[in-house]
Amino acid sequence: MEKRKLEKEDSDKIKFITYIIPKFADEYKMNRQEAYLYLKKYGGLNFLFEHWWALHTDNSFWAVRDMHEICYQSGGWR
């Protein structure tokens, strides 16, 4: 079986997503699974996948706040 190397962009995307979800969880006092499910339910995960490139260039505080705002606008309660 031939090993495939991830493209740099894919690798960067994975690294950022696995970094920012725990940050979101910590900020809103959730465990990682709760944070993932919350983001998925209220559109934060779609926002993250779609805009990760812009989000990763900013301070993680602002990325988490942007994700929170998207979720809140979609009915999220935190």
C-alpha atoms as a PDB file:
ATOM      1  CA  MET A   1       0.000   0.000   0.000  1.00  0.00           C
ATOM      2  CA  GLU A   2       1.391   3.360  -0.995  1.00  0.00           C
ATOM      3  CA  LYS A   3       1.591   6.029   1.685  1.00  0.00           C
ATOM      4  CA  ARG A   4       0.089   9.327   0.721  1.00  0.00           C
ATOM      5  CA  LYS A   5       1.369  12.509   2.230  1.00  0.00           C
ATOM      6  CA  LEU A   6      -1.212  15.044   3.236  1.00  0.00           C
ATOM      7  CA  GLU A   7      -1.048  18.264   1.388  1.00  0.00           C
ATOM      8  CA  LYS A   8       0.370  21.024   3.566  1.00  0.00           C
ATOM      9  CA  GLU A   9      -2.958  22.877   3.566  1.00  0.00           C
ATOM     10  CA  ASP A  10      -4.826  19.756   4.691  1.00  0.00           C
ATOM     11  CA  SER A  11      -2.277  19.172   7.415  1.00  0.00           C
ATOM     12  CA  ASP A  12      -2.525  22.791   8.591  1.00  0.00           C
ATOM     13  CA  LYS A  13      -6.327  22.587   8.592  1.00  0.00           C
ATOM     14  CA  ILE A  14      -6.324  19.433  10.711  1.00  0.00           C
ATOM     15  CA  LYS A  15      -3.825  20.926  13.156  1.00  0.00           C
ATOM     16  CA  PHE A  16      -5.874  24.094  13.571  1.00  0.00           C
ATOM     17  CA  ILE A  17      -9.189  22.297  14.025  1.00  0.00           C
ATOM     18  CA  THR A  18      -7.723  19.922  16.610  1.00  0.00           C
ATOM     19  CA  TYR A  19      -6.265  22.952  18.383  1.00  0.00           C
ATOM     20  CA  ILE A  20      -9.280  25.281  18.358  1.00  0.00           C
ATOM     21  CA  ILE A  21     -12.050  22.876  19.439  1.00  0.00           C
ATOM     22  CA  PRO A  22     -10.362  22.226  22.824  1.00  0.00           C
ATOM     23  CA  LYS A  23      -9.844  25.992  23.182  1.00  0.00           C
ATOM     24  CA  PHE A  24     -13.573  26.482  22.606  1.00  0.00           C
ATOM     25  CA  ALA A  25     -14.343  23.731  25.114  1.00  0.00           C
ATOM     26  CA  ASP A  26     -12.129  25.319  27.769  1.00  0.00           C
ATOM     27  CA  GLU A  27     -13.581  28.780  27.229  1.00  0.00           C
ATOM     28  CA  TYR A  28     -17.175  27.602  27.595  1.00  0.00           C
ATOM     29  CA  LYS A  29     -16.558  24.997  30.310  1.00  0.00           C
ATOM     30  CA  MET A  30     -17.349  21.940  28.183  1.00  0.00           C
ATOM     31  CA  ASN A  31     -15.485  18.738  27.582  1.00  0.00           C
ATOM     32  CA  ARG A  32     -14.218  18.221  24.042  1.00  0.00           C
ATOM     33  CA  GLN A  33     -17.053  15.950  22.990  1.00  0.00           C
ATOM     34  CA  GLU A  34     -19.681  18.414  24.234  1.00  0.00           C
ATOM     35  CA  ALA A  35     -17.919  21.231  22.398  1.00  0.00           C
ATOM     36  CA  TYR A  36     -17.764  19.244  19.169  1.00  0.00           C
ATOM     37  CA  LEU A  37     -21.447  18.316  19.358  1.00  0.00           C
ATOM     38  CA  TYR A  38     -22.446  21.887  20.253  1.00  0.00           C
ATOM     39  CA  LEU A  39     -20.448  23.303  17.341  1.00  0.00           C
ATOM     40  CA  LYS A  40     -21.918  20.718  15.004  1.00  0.00           C
ATOM     41  CA  LYS A  41     -25.513  21.346  16.132  1.00  0.00           C
ATOM     42  CA  TYR A  42     -25.357  25.146  15.888  1.00  0.00           C
ATOM     43  CA  GLY A  43     -23.266  25.610  12.737  1.00  0.00           C
ATOM     44  CA  GLY A  44     -19.964  26.461  14.361  1.00  0.00           C
ATOM     45  CA  LEU A  45     -18.255  23.419  12.892  1.00  0.00           C
ATOM     46  CA  ASN A  46     -19.367  24.258   9.354  1.00  0.00           C
ATOM     47  CA  PHE A  47     -18.145  27.810   9.921  1.00  0.00           C
ATOM     48  CA  LEU A  48     -14.844  26.459  11.191  1.00  0.00           C
ATOM     49  CA  PHE A  49     -14.352  24.159   8.199  1.00  0.00           C
ATOM     50  CA  GLU A  50     -15.308  26.885   5.743  1.00  0.00           C
ATOM     51  CA  HIS A  51     -13.299  29.740   7.276  1.00  0.00           C
ATOM     52  CA  TRP A  52     -10.436  27.995   9.051  1.00  0.00           C
ATOM     53  CA  TRP A  53      -7.853  29.763   6.923  1.00  0.00           C
ATOM     54  CA  ALA A  54      -8.944  33.225   8.072  1.00  0.00           C
ATOM     55  CA  LEU A  55      -9.585  32.092  11.650  1.00  0.00           C
ATOM     56  CA  HIS A  56      -6.148  30.573  12.083  1.00  0.00           C
ATOM     57  CA  THR A  57      -4.426  33.853  11.254  1.00  0.00           C
ATOM     58  CA  ASP A  58      -6.041  35.615  14.208  1.00  0.00           C
ATOM     59  CA  ASN A  59      -5.600  35.193  17.932  1.00  0.00           C
ATOM     60  CA  SER A  60      -7.353  32.037  19.145  1.00  0.00           C
ATOM     61  CA  PHE A  61      -9.485  34.175  21.483  1.00  0.00           C
ATOM     62  CA  TRP A  62     -11.115  35.863  18.490  1.00  0.00           C
ATOM     63  CA  ALA A  63     -11.535  32.615  16.582  1.00  0.00           C
ATOM     64  CA  VAL A  64     -13.377  31.118  19.563  1.00  0.00           C
ATOM     65  CA  ARG A  65     -15.532  34.247  19.892  1.00  0.00           C
ATOM     66  CA  ASP A  66     -16.415  34.136  16.184  1.00  0.00           C
ATOM     67  CA  MET A  67     -17.436  30.477  16.486  1.00  0.00           C
ATOM     68  CA  HIS A  68     -19.509  31.337  19.562  1.00  0.00           C
ATOM     69  CA  GLU A  69     -21.247  34.158  17.710  1.00  0.00           C
ATOM     70  CA  ILE A  70     -22.185  31.855  14.809  1.00  0.00           C
ATOM     71  CA  CYS A  71     -23.600  29.295  17.243  1.00  0.00           C
ATOM     72  CA  TYR A  72     -25.463  31.946  19.224  1.00  0.00           C
ATOM     73  CA  GLN A  73     -27.067  33.338  16.063  1.00  0.00           C
ATOM     74  CA  SER A  74     -28.207  29.826  15.206  1.00  0.00           C
ATOM     75  CA  GLY A  75     -29.891  29.208  18.562  1.00  0.00           C
ATOM     76  CA  GLY A  76     -26.961  28.194  20.727  1.00  0.00           C
ATOM     77  CA  TRP A  77     -27.320  29.039  24.388  1.00  0.00           C
ATOM     78  CA  ARG A  78     -23.774  29.510  25.631  1.00  0.00           C
END
